[in-house]
Amino acid sequence: MAEKFDPPVSKAGLSHRFKRIQEAAARLNAAASAQPEEQENLKEPEPAGQDIAQSP
């Protein structure tokens, strides 16, 4: 897999990159499980004008 990069990276370099990705994923998972109520607040808002009744 390391040889497929352009320019190629060493096996050690590829291992280092994967470890950093795994650490970032672990931090994201920990933050997500620690703050479940905040995820409700992160939902995408309704498009503007959808919640306003139109006048006749």
PDB file of N, CA and C in Angstrom:
ATOM      1  N   MET A   1       0.815  -1.178   0.000  1.00  0.00           N
ATOM      2  CA  MET A   1       0.000   0.000   0.000  1.00  0.00           C
ATOM      3  C   MET A   1       0.871   1.258   0.000  1.00  0.00           C
ATOM      4  N   ALA A   2       1.961   1.235   0.727  1.00  0.00           N
ATOM      5  CA  ALA A   2       2.830   2.403   0.809  1.00  0.00           C
ATOM      6  C   ALA A   2       3.370   2.795  -0.557  1.00  0.00           C
ATOM      7  N   GLU A   3       3.585   1.815  -1.419  1.00  0.00           N
ATOM      8  CA  GLU A   3       4.137   2.091  -2.745  1.00  0.00           C
ATOM      9  C   GLU A   3       3.134   2.788  -3.655  1.00  0.00           C
ATOM     10  N   LYS A   4       1.855   2.722  -3.348  1.00  0.00           N
ATOM     11  CA  LYS A   4       0.825   3.312  -4.194  1.00  0.00           C
ATOM     12  C   LYS A   4       0.728   4.826  -4.036  1.00  0.00           C
ATOM     13  N   PHE A   5       1.308   5.387  -2.984  1.00  0.00           N
ATOM     14  CA  PHE A   5       1.303   6.832  -2.801  1.00  0.00           C
ATOM     15  C   PHE A   5       2.230   7.488  -3.807  1.00  0.00           C
ATOM     16  N   ASP A   6       1.899   8.717  -4.169  1.00  0.00           N
ATOM     17  CA  ASP A   6       2.753   9.466  -5.093  1.00  0.00           C
ATOM     18  C   ASP A   6       3.144  10.763  -4.418  1.00  0.00           C
ATOM     19  N   PRO A   7       4.340  10.928  -3.979  1.00  0.00           N
ATOM     20  CA  PRO A   7       5.465  10.007  -4.008  1.00  0.00           C
ATOM     21  C   PRO A   7       5.282   8.895  -2.978  1.00  0.00           C
ATOM     22  N   PRO A   8       5.925   7.750  -3.213  1.00  0.00           N
ATOM     23  CA  PRO A   8       5.798   6.619  -2.291  1.00  0.00           C
ATOM     24  C   PRO A   8       6.249   6.997  -0.880  1.00  0.00           C
ATOM     25  N   VAL A   9       5.619   6.394   0.111  1.00  0.00           N
ATOM     26  CA  VAL A   9       6.024   6.597   1.501  1.00  0.00           C
ATOM     27  C   VAL A   9       6.569   5.278   2.026  1.00  0.00           C
ATOM     28  N   SER A  10       7.324   5.376   3.099  1.00  0.00           N
ATOM     29  CA  SER A  10       7.867   4.152   3.696  1.00  0.00           C
ATOM     30  C   SER A  10       6.780   3.443   4.494  1.00  0.00           C
ATOM     31  N   LYS A  11       7.037   2.188   4.841  1.00  0.00           N
ATOM     32  CA  LYS A  11       6.092   1.443   5.673  1.00  0.00           C
ATOM     33  C   LYS A  11       5.928   2.128   7.027  1.00  0.00           C
ATOM     34  N   ALA A  12       7.029   2.636   7.553  1.00  0.00           N
ATOM     35  CA  ALA A  12       6.970   3.331   8.841  1.00  0.00           C
ATOM     36  C   ALA A  12       6.135   4.607   8.729  1.00  0.00           C
ATOM     37  N   GLY A  13       6.296   5.317   7.626  1.00  0.00           N
ATOM     38  CA  GLY A  13       5.514   6.533   7.408  1.00  0.00           C
ATOM     39  C   GLY A  13       4.029   6.235   7.288  1.00  0.00           C
ATOM     40  N   LEU A  14       3.703   5.167   6.580  1.00  0.00           N
ATOM     41  CA  LEU A  14       2.307   4.758   6.429  1.00  0.00           C
ATOM     42  C   LEU A  14       1.729   4.341   7.780  1.00  0.00           C
ATOM     43  N   SER A  15       2.508   3.610   8.555  1.00  0.00           N
ATOM     44  CA  SER A  15       2.068   3.194   9.884  1.00  0.00           C
ATOM     45  C   SER A  15       1.804   4.414  10.763  1.00  0.00           C
ATOM     46  N   HIS A  16       2.679   5.401  10.690  1.00  0.00           N
ATOM     47  CA  HIS A  16       2.522   6.624  11.470  1.00  0.00           C
ATOM     48  C   HIS A  16       1.231   7.345  11.083  1.00  0.00           C
ATOM     49  N   ARG A  17       0.959   7.438   9.782  1.00  0.00           N
ATOM     50  CA  ARG A  17      -0.270   8.097   9.317  1.00  0.00           C
ATOM     51  C   ARG A  17      -1.507   7.373   9.829  1.00  0.00           C
ATOM     52  N   PHE A  18      -1.507   6.043   9.750  1.00  0.00           N
ATOM     53  CA  PHE A  18      -2.659   5.272  10.216  1.00  0.00           C
ATOM     54  C   PHE A  18      -2.867   5.430  11.723  1.00  0.00           C
ATOM     55  N   LYS A  19      -1.778   5.467  12.485  1.00  0.00           N
ATOM     56  CA  LYS A  19      -1.906   5.656  13.928  1.00  0.00           C
ATOM     57  C   LYS A  19      -2.530   7.010  14.238  1.00  0.00           C
ATOM     58  N   ARG A  20      -2.123   8.042  13.509  1.00  0.00           N
ATOM     59  CA  ARG A  20      -2.699   9.376  13.732  1.00  0.00           C
ATOM     60  C   ARG A  20      -4.176   9.399  13.370  1.00  0.00           C
ATOM     61  N   ILE A  21      -4.562   8.715  12.307  1.00  0.00           N
ATOM     62  CA  ILE A  21      -5.970   8.636  11.919  1.00  0.00           C
ATOM     63  C   ILE A  21      -6.767   7.902  12.994  1.00  0.00           C
ATOM     64  N   GLN A  22      -6.211   6.792  13.511  1.00  0.00           N
ATOM     65  CA  GLN A  22      -6.897   6.037  14.564  1.00  0.00           C
ATOM     66  C   GLN A  22      -7.056   6.872  15.833  1.00  0.00           C
ATOM     67  N   GLU A  23      -6.029   7.644  16.188  1.00  0.00           N
ATOM     68  CA  GLU A  23      -6.111   8.493  17.372  1.00  0.00           C
ATOM     69  C   GLU A  23      -7.181   9.565  17.194  1.00  0.00           C
ATOM     70  N   ALA A  24      -7.249  10.156  16.007  1.00  0.00           N
ATOM     71  CA  ALA A  24      -8.267  11.174  15.737  1.00  0.00           C
ATOM     72  C   ALA A  24      -9.663  10.563  15.807  1.00  0.00           C
ATOM     73  N   ALA A  25      -9.828   9.367  15.263  1.00  0.00           N
ATOM     74  CA  ALA A  25     -11.126   8.690  15.309  1.00  0.00           C
ATOM     75  C   ALA A  25     -11.521   8.378  16.749  1.00  0.00           C
ATOM     76  N   ALA A  26     -10.571   7.962  17.561  1.00  0.00           N
ATOM     77  CA  ALA A  26     -10.861   7.666  18.965  1.00  0.00           C
ATOM     78  C   ALA A  26     -11.286   8.929  19.702  1.00  0.00           C
ATOM     79  N   ARG A  27     -10.623  10.060  19.415  1.00  0.00           N
ATOM     80  CA  ARG A  27     -11.014  11.324  20.050  1.00  0.00           C
ATOM     81  C   ARG A  27     -12.417  11.734  19.631  1.00  0.00           C
ATOM     82  N   LEU A  28     -12.737  11.572  18.356  1.00  0.00           N
ATOM     83  CA  LEU A  28     -14.080  11.914  17.876  1.00  0.00           C
ATOM     84  C   LEU A  28     -15.138  11.029  18.522  1.00  0.00           C
ATOM     85  N   ASN A  29     -14.862   9.730  18.626  1.00  0.00           N
ATOM     86  CA  ASN A  29     -15.813   8.812  19.262  1.00  0.00           C
ATOM     87  C   ASN A  29     -16.009   9.153  20.734  1.00  0.00           C
ATOM     88  N   ALA A  30     -14.923   9.482  21.421  1.00  0.00           N
ATOM     89  CA  ALA A  30     -15.021   9.830  22.833  1.00  0.00           C
ATOM     90  C   ALA A  30     -15.821  11.113  23.015  1.00  0.00           C
ATOM     91  N   ALA A  31     -15.595  12.087  22.164  1.00  0.00           N
ATOM     92  CA  ALA A  31     -16.333  13.344  22.258  1.00  0.00           C
ATOM     93  C   ALA A  31     -17.807  13.131  21.940  1.00  0.00           C
ATOM     94  N   ALA A  32     -18.104  12.283  20.980  1.00  0.00           N
ATOM     95  CA  ALA A  32     -19.495  12.027  20.599  1.00  0.00           C
ATOM     96  C   ALA A  32     -20.238  11.291  21.700  1.00  0.00           C
ATOM     97  N   SER A  33     -19.600  10.341  22.353  1.00  0.00           N
ATOM     98  CA  SER A  33     -20.283   9.585  23.403  1.00  0.00           C
ATOM     99  C   SER A  33     -20.385  10.390  24.693  1.00  0.00           C
ATOM    100  N   ALA A  34     -19.507  11.354  24.895  1.00  0.00           N
ATOM    101  CA  ALA A  34     -19.541  12.162  26.107  1.00  0.00           C
ATOM    102  C   ALA A  34     -20.578  13.272  26.017  1.00  0.00           C
ATOM    103  N   GLN A  35     -20.977  13.666  24.818  1.00  0.00           N
ATOM    104  CA  GLN A  35     -21.880  14.791  24.624  1.00  0.00           C
ATOM    105  C   GLN A  35     -23.088  14.423  23.770  1.00  0.00           C
ATOM    106  N   PRO A  36     -23.890  13.414  24.127  1.00  0.00           N
ATOM    107  CA  PRO A  36     -25.007  13.029  23.261  1.00  0.00           C
ATOM    108  C   PRO A  36     -26.076  14.106  23.142  1.00  0.00           C
ATOM    109  N   GLU A  37     -26.305  14.905  24.199  1.00  0.00           N
ATOM    110  CA  GLU A  37     -27.330  15.937  24.110  1.00  0.00           C
ATOM    111  C   GLU A  37     -26.917  17.065  23.175  1.00  0.00           C
ATOM    112  N   GLU A  38     -25.630  17.314  23.020  1.00  0.00           N
ATOM    113  CA  GLU A  38     -25.175  18.349  22.098  1.00  0.00           C
ATOM    114  C   GLU A  38     -25.370  17.929  20.655  1.00  0.00           C
ATOM    115  N   GLN A  39     -25.402  16.629  20.386  1.00  0.00           N
ATOM    116  CA  GLN A  39     -25.626  16.173  19.021  1.00  0.00           C
ATOM    117  C   GLN A  39     -27.007  16.582  18.548  1.00  0.00           C
ATOM    118  N   GLU A  40     -27.984  16.634  19.451  1.00  0.00           N
ATOM    119  CA  GLU A  40     -29.323  17.082  19.081  1.00  0.00           C
ATOM    120  C   GLU A  40     -29.273  18.526  18.608  1.00  0.00           C
ATOM    121  N   ASN A  41     -28.412  19.339  19.230  1.00  0.00           N
ATOM    122  CA  ASN A  41     -28.298  20.744  18.860  1.00  0.00           C
ATOM    123  C   ASN A  41     -27.560  20.938  17.548  1.00  0.00           C
ATOM    124  N   LEU A  42     -26.855  19.918  17.078  1.00  0.00           N
ATOM    125  CA  LEU A  42     -26.073  20.036  15.854  1.00  0.00           C
ATOM    126  C   LEU A  42     -26.856  19.643  14.616  1.00  0.00           C
ATOM    127  N   LYS A  43     -28.129  19.281  14.789  1.00  0.00           N
ATOM    128  CA  LYS A  43     -28.929  18.910  13.631  1.00  0.00           C
ATOM    129  C   LYS A  43     -29.025  20.090  12.681  1.00  0.00           C
ATOM    130  N   GLU A  44     -29.148  19.783  11.411  1.00  0.00           N
ATOM    131  CA  GLU A  44     -29.213  20.822  10.394  1.00  0.00           C
ATOM    132  C   GLU A  44     -30.495  21.632  10.574  1.00  0.00           C
ATOM    133  N   PRO A  45     -30.396  22.955  10.573  1.00  0.00           N
ATOM    134  CA  PRO A  45     -31.591  23.778  10.763  1.00  0.00           C
ATOM    135  C   PRO A  45     -32.523  23.698   9.560  1.00  0.00           C
ATOM    136  N   GLU A  46     -33.785  24.013   9.807  1.00  0.00           N
ATOM    137  CA  GLU A  46     -34.764  24.049   8.722  1.00  0.00           C
ATOM    138  C   GLU A  46     -34.385  25.163   7.752  1.00  0.00           C
ATOM    139  N   PRO A  47     -34.657  24.988   6.465  1.00  0.00           N
ATOM    140  CA  PRO A  47     -34.373  26.057   5.502  1.00  0.00           C
ATOM    141  C   PRO A  47     -35.154  27.317   5.863  1.00  0.00           C
ATOM    142  N   ALA A  48     -34.581  28.459   5.590  1.00  0.00           N
ATOM    143  CA  ALA A  48     -35.209  29.732   5.923  1.00  0.00           C
ATOM    144  C   ALA A  48     -36.560  29.860   5.244  1.00  0.00           C
ATOM    145  N   GLY A  49     -37.534  30.361   6.009  1.00  0.00           N
ATOM    146  CA  GLY A  49     -38.858  30.585   5.461  1.00  0.00           C
ATOM    147  C   GLY A  49     -39.784  29.398   5.577  1.00  0.00           C
ATOM    148  N   GLN A  50     -39.300  28.232   5.938  1.00  0.00           N
ATOM    149  CA  GLN A  50     -40.141  27.046   6.034  1.00  0.00           C
ATOM    150  C   GLN A  50     -41.018  27.067   7.283  1.00  0.00           C
ATOM    151  N   ASP A  51     -40.587  27.768   8.326  1.00  0.00           N
ATOM    152  CA  ASP A  51     -41.338  27.774   9.568  1.00  0.00           C
ATOM    153  C   ASP A  51     -42.259  28.989   9.702  1.00  0.00           C
ATOM    154  N   ILE A  52     -42.328  29.832   8.695  1.00  0.00           N
ATOM    155  CA  ILE A  52     -43.150  31.032   8.725  1.00  0.00           C
ATOM    156  C   ILE A  52     -44.396  30.798   7.877  1.00  0.00           C
ATOM    157  N   ALA A  53     -45.559  31.046   8.475  1.00  0.00           N
ATOM    158  CA  ALA A  53     -46.810  30.874   7.731  1.00  0.00           C
ATOM    159  C   ALA A  53     -46.929  31.969   6.678  1.00  0.00           C
ATOM    160  N   GLN A  54     -47.356  31.595   5.506  1.00  0.00           N
ATOM    161  CA  GLN A  54     -47.512  32.569   4.428  1.00  0.00           C
ATOM    162  C   GLN A  54     -48.851  33.270   4.578  1.00  0.00           C
ATOM    163  N   SER A  55     -48.865  34.573   4.364  1.00  0.00           N
ATOM    164  CA  SER A  55     -50.117  35.323   4.445  1.00  0.00           C
ATOM    165  C   SER A  55     -50.836  35.262   3.104  1.00  0.00           C
ATOM    166  N   PRO A  56     -52.189  35.258   3.122  1.00  0.00           N
ATOM    167  CA  PRO A  56     -52.961  35.131   1.868  1.00  0.00           C
ATOM    168  C   PRO A  56     -52.887  36.343   0.993  1.00  0.00           C
TER     169      PRO A  56
END
